[in-house]
């Protein structure tokens, strides 16, 4: 029975808990170790239950707490070679480094993990598809464009955690300087709500249960706008839960595969 919780998502920090049986992993640890421990406790998970950390890319809002958590919990840290190199000293003092090859699946305890390429201004950023045998969770944030590869990998997932970073009009009319607006809009930046809605429209199927919209900009988006943009493209008879992740607190522990 796979469960997940978005412990927090946004420019100030990102982390997701995934649990299957005795296996509990984090995708990224972009908060301090103490804060991640606090957020895990909010969903009744002890930090001592963690088994490993997966890293999507080297930006600080995704790796801030990785090294401390790894040392304290004796946790292996999985990332590709380019990410380890780009992170430098920030991921140097770990209990255990385990390199994966982007595009190649690997197994860790009760989970099969497939890292796939995304488009972001990092060394070799990835998303993940996590399987437990009966359920599949897709994680894809921090990407400036949607590729056929992403759609292929995320097809058939029972749960999706997808970036819905900004409302295009709010970004255009907002306070960001021009260079930052351009960075956000670029193919190496972040997805607008409409992009995410278009992606979800292509990924909808009868067994899709939960969609979490993540990495929502605090200045250039609103959770209700992101949700409404996605809900407009869903079939009229759908039973898909669409919610937004919070920057400030852990989301609920969601169970996949339950009717």
Protein backbone atom coordinates (compact mmCIF):
# COMPACT_ATOMS: atom_id res chain seq x y z
CA UNK A 1 0.00 0.00 0.00
CA UNK A 2 1.79 3.12 -1.22
CA UNK A 3 1.33 6.36 0.69
CA UNK A 4 2.74 9.81 0.05
CA UNK A 5 2.74 13.29 1.53
CA UNK A 6 4.08 16.50 0.03
CA UNK A 7 5.90 17.83 3.09
CA UNK A 8 6.33 21.22 1.44
CA UNK A 9 6.79 22.67 -2.01
CA UNK A 10 7.92 26.04 -3.32
CA UNK A 11 10.91 28.29 -3.72
CA UNK A 12 11.72 28.08 0.02
CA UNK A 13 11.96 24.30 0.16
CA UNK A 14 10.73 21.02 -1.32
CA UNK A 15 10.34 17.51 0.03
CA UNK A 16 8.01 14.55 -0.52
CA UNK A 17 7.59 11.45 1.64
CA UNK A 18 6.77 8.13 -0.04
CA UNK A 19 6.09 5.07 2.07
CA UNK A 20 5.56 1.44 1.12
CA UNK A 21 5.62 -1.23 3.81
CA UNK A 22 8.83 -0.82 5.82
CA UNK A 23 10.33 1.48 3.16
CA UNK A 24 10.08 5.25 3.60
CA UNK A 25 11.95 7.56 1.23
CA UNK A 26 12.15 11.27 0.61
CA UNK A 27 12.26 12.89 -2.79
CA UNK A 28 14.48 15.89 -1.99
CA UNK A 29 15.08 17.46 1.40
CA UNK A 30 15.03 21.18 0.80
CA UNK A 31 14.27 22.16 4.39
CA UNK A 32 16.50 21.84 7.44
CA UNK A 33 16.69 18.41 9.02
CA UNK A 34 14.82 19.73 12.06
CA UNK A 35 12.02 21.14 9.92
CA UNK A 36 11.67 17.93 7.94
CA UNK A 37 11.48 15.98 11.19
CA UNK A 38 8.72 18.33 12.35
CA UNK A 39 6.76 17.95 9.12
CA UNK A 40 7.10 14.17 9.18
CA UNK A 41 5.73 14.15 12.71
CA UNK A 42 2.71 16.10 11.45
CA UNK A 43 1.77 13.05 9.33
CA UNK A 44 2.67 10.62 12.14
CA UNK A 45 5.96 9.46 10.67
CA UNK A 46 9.16 9.41 12.74
CA UNK A 47 12.31 10.62 11.01
CA UNK A 48 13.95 7.39 12.22
CA UNK A 49 11.66 5.47 9.83
CA UNK A 50 13.34 6.97 6.75
CA UNK A 51 15.24 4.58 4.49
CA UNK A 52 16.78 6.83 1.80
CA UNK A 53 16.72 10.19 0.02
CA UNK A 54 16.33 10.70 -3.73
CA UNK A 55 17.59 13.99 -5.20
CA UNK A 56 16.09 15.60 -8.30
CA UNK A 57 18.74 18.33 -8.77
CA UNK A 58 21.27 20.45 -6.90
CA UNK A 59 19.36 23.67 -6.20
CA UNK A 60 19.37 24.57 -2.52
CA UNK A 61 15.59 24.46 -2.12
CA UNK A 62 15.85 20.73 -2.88
CA UNK A 63 18.99 19.67 -1.00
CA UNK A 64 19.29 21.97 2.04
CA UNK A 65 18.74 19.21 4.61
CA UNK A 66 20.06 16.20 2.69
CA UNK A 67 23.55 15.94 4.21
CA UNK A 68 22.46 16.31 7.83
CA UNK A 69 19.60 13.84 7.44
CA UNK A 70 21.90 11.36 5.71
CA UNK A 71 24.47 11.51 8.50
CA UNK A 72 21.98 11.51 11.35
CA UNK A 73 19.88 8.65 9.99
CA UNK A 74 22.66 6.79 8.13
CA UNK A 75 20.61 7.19 4.97
CA UNK A 76 21.86 6.50 1.44
CA UNK A 77 21.43 9.42 -0.95
CA UNK A 78 20.56 8.65 -4.58
CA UNK A 79 21.39 11.16 -7.34
CA UNK A 80 22.96 11.12 -10.77
CA UNK A 81 26.65 11.87 -11.24
CA UNK A 82 26.12 15.37 -12.64
CA UNK A 83 24.00 16.37 -9.65
CA UNK A 84 26.59 15.11 -7.17
CA UNK A 85 29.28 17.07 -9.02
CA UNK A 86 27.23 20.26 -9.28
CA UNK A 87 26.26 20.15 -5.60
CA UNK A 88 29.91 19.93 -4.58
CA UNK A 89 30.51 20.22 -0.85
CA UNK A 90 26.79 20.43 -0.11
CA UNK A 91 26.45 16.72 -0.92
CA UNK A 92 29.99 15.67 -0.09
CA UNK A 93 29.69 14.58 3.55
CA UNK A 94 27.00 11.91 3.28
CA UNK A 95 26.61 8.57 4.99
CA UNK A 96 26.35 6.89 1.59
CA UNK A 97 26.32 8.14 -2.03
CA UNK A 98 24.57 6.02 -4.64
CA UNK A 99 24.67 7.15 -8.24
CA UNK A 100 21.90 6.30 -10.67
CA UNK A 101 21.86 6.77 -14.42
CA UNK A 102 19.11 9.05 -15.68
CA UNK A 103 16.71 6.95 -17.72
CA UNK A 104 17.59 3.65 -16.04
CA UNK A 105 15.32 2.04 -13.46
CA UNK A 106 16.62 0.68 -10.18
CA UNK A 107 15.14 -1.08 -7.18
CA UNK A 108 15.44 0.06 -3.59
CA UNK A 109 13.85 -2.21 -0.99
CA UNK A 110 10.09 -2.32 -1.74
CA UNK A 111 10.14 0.25 -4.54
CA UNK A 112 11.06 0.36 -8.22
CA UNK A 113 12.33 3.81 -9.17
CA UNK A 114 12.71 5.32 -12.63
CA UNK A 115 14.45 8.71 -12.96
CA UNK A 116 13.68 10.61 -16.17
CA UNK A 117 14.99 13.87 -17.63
CA UNK A 118 13.21 17.18 -17.13
CA UNK A 119 14.07 20.65 -18.48
CA UNK A 120 15.47 23.01 -15.84
CA UNK A 121 18.53 25.19 -15.30
CA UNK A 122 20.43 22.53 -13.39
CA UNK A 123 23.16 20.03 -14.28
CA UNK A 124 21.00 16.96 -14.98
CA UNK A 125 17.57 17.43 -13.35
CA UNK A 126 15.14 14.53 -13.12
CA UNK A 127 11.63 13.55 -12.20
CA UNK A 128 10.74 10.15 -10.77
CA UNK A 129 8.21 7.40 -11.32
CA UNK A 130 7.87 5.22 -8.23
CA UNK A 131 6.20 1.79 -8.34
CA UNK A 132 5.32 -0.73 -5.66
CA UNK A 133 3.97 -3.48 -7.91
CA UNK A 134 0.33 -2.39 -7.97
CA UNK A 135 0.45 1.43 -7.78
CA UNK A 136 2.52 4.11 -9.46
CA UNK A 137 3.31 7.66 -8.34
CA UNK A 138 4.77 10.23 -10.73
CA UNK A 139 6.78 13.24 -9.56
CA UNK A 140 7.65 16.01 -12.02
CA UNK A 141 8.45 19.54 -10.89
CA UNK A 142 11.03 22.19 -11.81
CA UNK A 143 10.68 21.91 -15.55
CA UNK A 144 10.20 24.65 -18.10
CA UNK A 145 8.61 22.51 -20.79
CA UNK A 146 6.67 19.29 -21.25
CA UNK A 147 8.39 16.66 -23.37
CA UNK A 148 7.08 13.49 -24.97
CA UNK A 149 9.42 11.61 -22.65
CA UNK A 150 7.74 13.09 -19.58
CA UNK A 151 4.28 12.23 -20.90
CA UNK A 152 5.43 8.70 -21.72
CA UNK A 153 6.89 8.11 -18.27
CA UNK A 154 3.93 9.62 -16.39
CA UNK A 155 1.29 7.72 -18.35
CA UNK A 156 -0.70 5.29 -16.22
CA UNK A 157 0.17 6.75 -12.81
CA UNK A 158 -2.35 6.42 -9.96
CA UNK A 159 -0.99 9.59 -8.33
CA UNK A 160 0.77 12.63 -9.78
CA UNK A 161 2.76 15.42 -8.16
CA UNK A 162 3.20 18.05 -10.86
CA UNK A 163 4.49 21.58 -10.97
CA UNK A 164 1.93 24.35 -11.54
CA UNK A 165 4.19 27.27 -10.79
CA UNK A 166 2.62 30.45 -12.10
CA UNK A 167 -0.34 32.15 -13.66
CA UNK A 168 1.01 33.69 -16.84
CA UNK A 169 -0.91 36.95 -16.49
CA UNK A 170 0.13 37.37 -12.86
CA UNK A 171 3.76 36.77 -13.78
CA UNK A 172 3.65 39.23 -16.68
CA UNK A 173 2.04 41.95 -14.54
CA UNK A 174 3.94 41.16 -11.35
CA UNK A 175 6.92 42.69 -9.60
CA UNK A 176 9.65 40.36 -10.84
CA UNK A 177 12.39 42.10 -12.86
CA UNK A 178 12.38 41.29 -16.60
CA UNK A 179 15.32 38.88 -16.42
CA UNK A 180 13.60 36.81 -13.73
CA UNK A 181 10.30 36.75 -15.62
CA UNK A 182 12.20 35.50 -18.63
CA UNK A 183 13.93 32.82 -16.59
CA UNK A 184 10.62 31.57 -15.16
CA UNK A 185 8.94 31.50 -18.61
CA UNK A 186 11.87 29.85 -20.38
CA UNK A 187 12.20 26.19 -21.32
CA UNK A 188 14.60 25.85 -18.37
CA UNK A 189 12.28 27.53 -15.88
CA UNK A 190 8.86 26.54 -14.57
CA UNK A 191 5.44 25.51 -15.89
CA UNK A 192 2.46 27.84 -16.04
CA UNK A 193 -0.96 26.63 -14.87
CA UNK A 194 -2.14 26.21 -18.45
CA UNK A 195 0.85 24.04 -19.32
CA UNK A 196 0.14 21.79 -16.37
CA UNK A 197 -3.55 21.54 -17.25
CA UNK A 198 -2.62 20.54 -20.80
CA UNK A 199 -0.28 17.85 -19.46
CA UNK A 200 -2.88 16.46 -17.07
CA UNK A 201 -5.49 16.38 -19.83
CA UNK A 202 -3.18 14.03 -21.74
CA UNK A 203 -2.50 11.89 -18.64
CA UNK A 204 -6.07 11.36 -17.39
CA UNK A 205 -7.16 7.72 -17.24
CA UNK A 206 -9.68 5.70 -15.26
CA UNK A 207 -7.27 4.75 -12.47
CA UNK A 208 -5.81 8.22 -11.83
CA UNK A 209 -6.85 9.06 -8.27
CA UNK A 210 -4.84 11.99 -6.92
CA UNK A 211 -3.17 15.04 -8.45
CA UNK A 212 -1.13 17.39 -6.29
CA UNK A 213 -0.17 20.72 -7.86
CA UNK A 214 3.25 21.70 -6.51
CA UNK A 215 5.88 24.45 -6.54
CA UNK A 216 3.17 27.13 -6.67
CA UNK A 217 4.63 30.64 -6.73
CA UNK A 218 3.69 32.75 -3.74
CA UNK A 219 3.85 35.95 -5.82
CA UNK A 220 2.70 34.83 -9.27
CA UNK A 221 -0.05 32.31 -8.58
CA UNK A 222 -2.91 31.38 -6.29
CA UNK A 223 -3.85 27.83 -5.28
CA UNK A 224 -7.47 28.35 -6.30
CA UNK A 225 -6.43 29.58 -9.75
CA UNK A 226 -4.13 26.60 -10.29
CA UNK A 227 -6.81 24.10 -9.21
CA UNK A 228 -9.56 25.69 -11.29
CA UNK A 229 -7.35 25.77 -14.39
CA UNK A 230 -6.76 22.01 -14.07
CA UNK A 231 -10.32 21.09 -13.14
CA UNK A 232 -11.66 22.77 -16.26
CA UNK A 233 -9.91 20.22 -18.48
CA UNK A 234 -10.98 17.09 -16.56
CA UNK A 235 -13.81 14.87 -17.78
CA UNK A 236 -17.23 15.74 -16.34
CA UNK A 237 -17.58 12.36 -14.60
CA UNK A 238 -14.07 12.24 -13.12
CA UNK A 239 -13.35 11.28 -9.51
CA UNK A 240 -9.85 12.70 -9.38
CA UNK A 241 -8.76 14.59 -6.28
CA UNK A 242 -6.98 17.81 -7.28
CA UNK A 243 -5.26 19.71 -4.46
CA UNK A 244 -2.35 22.09 -4.05
CA UNK A 245 0.80 21.58 -2.02
CA UNK A 246 1.67 24.13 0.66
CA UNK A 247 5.00 25.80 1.20
CA UNK A 248 4.41 26.13 4.92
CA UNK A 249 3.06 22.78 6.08
CA UNK A 250 2.89 19.10 5.24
CA UNK A 251 0.00 17.85 3.17
CA UNK A 252 -2.05 14.84 4.27
CA UNK A 253 -0.77 11.30 3.93
CA UNK A 254 -2.51 10.01 0.80
CA UNK A 255 -3.04 6.30 0.14
CA UNK A 256 -2.95 5.11 -3.45
CA UNK A 257 -4.93 2.14 -4.66
CA UNK A 258 -7.73 2.61 -2.16
CA UNK A 259 -11.22 2.83 -3.81
